[in-house]
Amino acid sequence: MTTTYDATRPFAGQAAIVTGAASGIGQATLELLHAQGASVVAVDRQESVRALARPGVEPLVADIAREESAELAVRTALARYGRLDILVNNAGIIINKPVVDMTLDDWNGIQAVNSTGAFLFSREAMRAMVPAGRGAIVNVGSYACYQAFPTIAAYAASKGALAQLTRALSLEAIEHGIRVNAVGSGDVVTNITNHIHADGPKFLAEHGRNAPIRRAAEPSEIAEVIAFLASPKASYIVGAVVMADGGMSVALR
């Protein structure tokens, strides 16, 4: 019996975990993977993630920075779907503070989610993927993987760590048939800065005009890159940070 490949559903029969899935890039990625055939464990610390429940989408309210959350997410995928093929480490937070005004809790809180959380989820996903000899991990980075501006020291440090985690883990993973890559996103119209600005999406839309493309991205645009990196179409891409930032990382301003 020959199985026909359906290009519209490249993830048919596969299972994924998406962190930070309740909104923004995470929700857009969840919707795209699910539409293309994947069953998804949708992880977020916000209770609103429960509203995403449906056949093929299992919401999980959990703190990304906690070891037991990563363990539970992987157990859930294996229990519900019998496998784990894709991990998208999307959850992220940001603060805008000069270093001299930053507390240790400020610093540690950013690292805990943006870099340690990705480490924990990647470790647990690898433990499930290695025996199967397949899988893809996609980390959601930023132009802050490479660049910085005042007040984002904690965020930039966490995204730099994420880029290096991507590279180092990719070398450990590829011998097991698992590809690890990252997306370096630019400004995206999401709620990530709502705790800093009265209208976070509006701020990001305006800030995005500083990019050569002269706009911010929609979450769906970054989701497309994530899905590509998770798919067989990216079969020769290993350890890359693929910039999807409207040219921000190549512009000198």
Protein backbone atom coordinates (compact mmCIF):
# COMPACT_ATOMS: atom_id res chain seq x y z
CA MET A 1 0.00 0.00 0.00
CA THR A 2 1.44 3.37 -1.04
CA THR A 3 0.83 6.44 1.11
CA THR A 4 0.24 9.57 -0.94
CA TYR A 5 1.93 12.71 0.35
CA ASP A 6 -0.54 15.57 0.76
CA ALA A 7 1.29 18.89 0.41
CA THR A 8 -1.61 20.70 2.09
CA ARG A 9 -1.25 18.52 5.21
CA PRO A 10 2.49 17.89 5.60
CA PHE A 11 2.11 17.19 9.33
CA ALA A 12 -0.67 14.62 9.04
CA GLY A 13 -0.30 12.02 11.77
CA GLN A 14 2.34 14.02 13.63
CA ALA A 15 2.22 15.49 17.13
CA ALA A 16 3.60 18.83 18.28
CA ILE A 17 4.07 20.90 21.40
CA VAL A 18 3.79 24.69 21.09
CA THR A 19 4.64 26.89 24.07
CA GLY A 20 3.19 30.35 24.55
CA ALA A 21 0.24 29.09 22.53
CA ALA A 22 -2.56 31.25 23.92
CA SER A 23 -1.90 34.25 21.67
CA GLY A 24 0.39 35.87 19.13
CA ILE A 25 2.99 33.80 17.29
CA GLY A 26 2.24 30.74 19.41
CA GLN A 27 -1.44 30.68 18.59
CA ALA A 28 -0.79 31.38 14.91
CA THR A 29 1.70 28.50 14.84
CA LEU A 30 -0.71 26.17 16.60
CA GLU A 31 -3.45 26.99 14.12
CA LEU A 32 -1.17 26.49 11.12
CA LEU A 33 0.28 23.18 12.31
CA HIS A 34 -3.19 21.91 13.20
CA ALA A 35 -4.62 22.99 9.84
CA GLN A 36 -1.78 21.10 8.17
CA GLY A 37 -2.58 17.88 9.99
CA ALA A 38 -0.72 17.97 13.31
CA SER A 39 -2.18 17.22 16.72
CA VAL A 40 -0.93 19.84 19.16
CA VAL A 41 -0.36 20.20 22.89
CA ALA A 42 -0.89 23.93 23.44
CA VAL A 43 1.07 25.13 26.49
CA ASP A 44 0.63 28.51 28.15
CA ARG A 45 0.51 29.92 31.67
CA GLN A 46 -2.63 31.87 30.75
CA GLU A 47 -5.94 30.19 31.49
CA SER A 48 -7.21 31.48 28.14
CA VAL A 49 -5.33 28.65 26.43
CA ARG A 50 -8.17 26.34 27.52
CA ALA A 51 -10.44 28.00 24.95
CA LEU A 52 -8.32 26.48 22.17
CA ALA A 53 -9.42 22.93 23.05
CA ARG A 54 -10.84 20.85 20.20
CA PRO A 55 -10.14 17.50 18.57
CA GLY A 56 -6.42 17.48 17.89
CA VAL A 57 -5.63 20.37 20.26
CA GLU A 58 -4.92 19.61 23.92
CA PRO A 59 -4.48 22.76 26.06
CA LEU A 60 -2.15 22.67 29.03
CA VAL A 61 -1.93 25.48 31.60
CA ALA A 62 1.66 25.42 32.85
CA ASP A 63 4.60 27.65 33.74
CA ILE A 64 7.20 27.23 31.00
CA ALA A 65 10.04 27.92 33.43
CA ARG A 66 9.28 24.92 35.64
CA GLU A 67 10.89 21.55 35.06
CA GLU A 68 7.69 19.66 35.77
CA SER A 69 5.86 21.65 33.07
CA ALA A 70 8.18 20.34 30.36
CA GLU A 71 7.87 16.81 31.68
CA LEU A 72 4.07 17.07 31.76
CA ALA A 73 3.85 18.50 28.25
CA VAL A 74 5.84 15.64 26.77
CA ARG A 75 3.93 13.04 28.79
CA THR A 76 0.68 14.58 27.55
CA ALA A 77 1.76 14.40 23.91
CA LEU A 78 2.80 10.77 24.26
CA ALA A 79 -0.32 9.80 26.19
CA ARG A 80 -2.76 11.58 23.89
CA TYR A 81 -1.10 11.08 20.52
CA GLY A 82 1.43 8.31 21.04
CA ARG A 83 4.35 10.30 19.67
CA LEU A 84 6.15 13.64 19.57
CA ASP A 85 7.51 15.00 16.28
CA ILE A 86 7.73 18.76 16.73
CA LEU A 87 8.55 21.16 19.53
CA VAL A 88 8.12 24.91 19.09
CA ASN A 89 9.74 26.88 21.91
CA ASN A 90 7.84 30.11 21.41
CA ALA A 91 7.03 31.38 24.91
CA GLY A 92 8.81 34.62 25.67
CA ILE A 93 8.64 37.70 27.89
CA ILE A 94 10.38 41.07 27.90
CA ILE A 95 11.09 44.01 30.17
CA ASN A 96 12.46 47.44 29.28
CA LYS A 97 14.81 48.58 32.03
CA PRO A 98 18.33 49.97 32.12
CA VAL A 99 20.73 47.55 33.79
CA VAL A 100 21.30 49.94 36.72
CA ASP A 101 17.57 49.85 37.50
CA MET A 102 17.13 46.11 37.02
CA THR A 103 16.63 43.77 39.96
CA LEU A 104 17.97 40.24 40.12
CA ASP A 105 14.37 39.01 39.99
CA ASP A 106 13.85 41.02 36.78
CA TRP A 107 16.90 39.41 35.22
CA ASN A 108 16.20 35.89 36.40
CA GLY A 109 12.55 36.06 35.36
CA ILE A 110 13.46 36.80 31.75
CA GLN A 111 16.13 34.10 31.58
CA ALA A 112 13.82 31.55 33.22
CA VAL A 113 11.23 31.75 30.46
CA ASN A 114 13.21 32.71 27.37
CA SER A 115 16.26 30.49 27.72
CA THR A 116 15.85 28.06 30.64
CA GLY A 117 12.30 27.20 29.56
CA ALA A 118 13.52 26.40 26.06
CA PHE A 119 16.29 24.22 27.54
CA LEU A 120 13.84 22.29 29.73
CA PHE A 121 11.31 21.67 26.95
CA SER A 122 14.06 20.77 24.47
CA ARG A 123 15.63 18.30 26.90
CA GLU A 124 12.34 16.52 27.54
CA ALA A 125 11.39 16.54 23.86
CA MET A 126 14.77 15.08 22.93
CA ARG A 127 14.27 12.27 25.43
CA ALA A 128 11.09 11.32 23.54
CA MET A 129 12.43 11.95 20.03
CA VAL A 130 15.77 10.14 20.25
CA PRO A 131 14.27 6.62 20.53
CA ALA A 132 12.06 7.40 17.52
CA GLY A 133 15.00 8.68 15.47
CA ARG A 134 13.13 11.71 14.17
CA GLY A 135 11.88 15.14 15.13
CA ALA A 136 12.23 18.88 14.74
CA ILE A 137 12.71 21.59 17.34
CA VAL A 138 12.14 25.22 16.37
CA ASN A 139 13.06 28.02 18.76
CA VAL A 140 11.57 31.47 18.38
CA GLY A 141 14.33 34.03 18.73
CA SER A 142 14.61 37.65 17.70
CA TYR A 143 16.92 40.13 16.06
CA ALA A 144 18.01 40.48 19.70
CA CYS A 145 19.83 37.17 19.20
CA TYR A 146 22.51 39.38 17.63
CA GLN A 147 21.63 43.03 18.20
CA ALA A 148 20.61 45.21 21.11
CA PHE A 149 19.48 48.66 22.09
CA PRO A 150 19.23 50.35 25.50
CA THR A 151 16.85 48.82 28.09
CA ILE A 152 16.72 45.27 26.64
CA ALA A 153 19.84 43.77 28.22
CA ALA A 154 17.97 40.93 29.93
CA TYR A 155 15.92 40.11 26.83
CA ALA A 156 18.92 40.31 24.48
CA ALA A 157 20.99 38.09 26.78
CA SER A 158 18.20 35.51 26.86
CA LYS A 159 17.82 35.50 23.09
CA GLY A 160 21.58 35.27 22.59
CA ALA A 161 21.53 32.24 24.87
CA LEU A 162 18.64 30.79 22.84
CA ALA A 163 20.64 31.16 19.62
CA GLN A 164 23.59 29.33 21.15
CA LEU A 165 21.34 26.64 22.60
CA THR A 166 19.98 26.16 19.09
CA ARG A 167 23.44 25.71 17.61
CA ALA A 168 24.87 23.44 20.30
CA LEU A 169 21.77 21.26 20.59
CA SER A 170 21.54 20.90 16.81
CA LEU A 171 24.92 19.16 16.81
CA GLU A 172 23.83 16.74 19.51
CA ALA A 173 20.47 16.10 17.89
CA ILE A 174 21.23 15.61 14.22
CA GLU A 175 22.94 12.26 14.74
CA HIS A 176 19.56 11.04 15.99
CA GLY A 177 17.67 12.39 12.97
CA ILE A 178 16.40 15.44 14.88
CA ARG A 179 16.82 18.92 13.41
CA VAL A 180 17.07 21.99 15.65
CA ASN A 181 16.73 25.50 14.23
CA ALA A 182 15.45 28.91 15.22
CA VAL A 183 13.56 31.85 13.77
CA GLY A 184 14.95 35.30 14.43
CA SER A 185 11.78 37.35 14.33
CA GLY A 186 11.50 41.10 14.09
CA ASP A 187 8.76 43.22 15.60
CA VAL A 188 5.51 41.26 15.51
CA VAL A 189 2.08 42.64 16.35
CA THR A 190 1.42 40.71 19.57
CA ASN A 191 0.62 41.35 23.23
CA ILE A 192 4.17 40.76 24.53
CA THR A 193 4.63 44.42 25.56
CA ASN A 194 1.15 44.96 27.02
CA HIS A 195 2.63 45.16 30.53
CA ILE A 196 4.93 47.96 29.36
CA HIS A 197 2.73 49.96 26.98
CA ALA A 198 -0.95 50.85 27.15
CA ASP A 199 -1.43 49.38 23.67
CA GLY A 200 1.31 46.82 23.08
CA PRO A 201 0.29 45.82 19.55
CA LYS A 202 0.12 49.46 18.47
CA PHE A 203 3.57 50.14 19.91
CA LEU A 204 5.04 47.14 18.09
CA ALA A 205 3.34 48.14 14.84
CA GLU A 206 4.91 51.57 15.12
CA HIS A 207 8.32 50.24 16.19
CA GLY A 208 8.28 47.88 13.22
CA ARG A 209 8.40 50.87 10.87
CA ASN A 210 12.09 51.18 11.81
CA ALA A 211 12.83 48.01 9.83
CA PRO A 212 13.81 48.33 6.17
CA ILE A 213 10.50 46.72 5.23
CA ARG A 214 8.80 49.62 7.07
CA ARG A 215 6.30 47.53 9.02
CA ALA A 216 5.94 44.94 11.74
CA ALA A 217 5.05 41.34 10.96
CA GLU A 218 1.77 39.62 11.59
CA PRO A 219 2.03 36.49 13.78
CA SER A 220 0.97 34.33 10.84
CA GLU A 221 4.04 35.41 8.87
CA ILE A 222 6.39 34.09 11.53
CA ALA A 223 4.27 30.94 11.93
CA GLU A 224 4.88 30.15 8.26
CA VAL A 225 8.65 30.20 8.81
CA ILE A 226 8.32 28.03 11.90
CA ALA A 227 6.21 25.49 10.02
CA PHE A 228 8.71 25.45 7.16
CA LEU A 229 11.61 24.74 9.51
CA ALA A 230 9.61 21.95 11.16
CA SER A 231 8.75 20.37 7.82
CA PRO A 232 10.65 18.02 5.48
CA LYS A 233 11.08 20.98 3.12
CA ALA A 234 13.81 22.20 5.50
CA SER A 235 15.48 18.79 5.67
CA TYR A 236 18.98 20.18 5.08
CA ILE A 237 18.76 23.09 7.53
CA VAL A 238 20.52 22.34 10.82
CA GLY A 239 21.51 24.77 13.59
CA ALA A 240 20.39 27.87 11.70
CA VAL A 241 18.84 31.05 13.03
CA VAL A 242 16.67 32.06 10.08
CA MET A 243 16.06 35.80 10.24
CA ALA A 244 12.49 36.88 9.57
CA ASP A 245 12.84 40.47 10.74
CA GLY A 246 12.05 42.64 7.74
CA GLY A 247 15.75 43.40 7.26
CA MET A 248 16.33 44.79 10.76
CA SER A 249 19.41 42.63 11.37
CA VAL A 250 21.18 43.78 8.20
CA ALA A 251 20.50 47.51 8.53
CA LEU A 252 22.93 49.96 10.10
CA ARG A 253 20.98 52.82 11.69
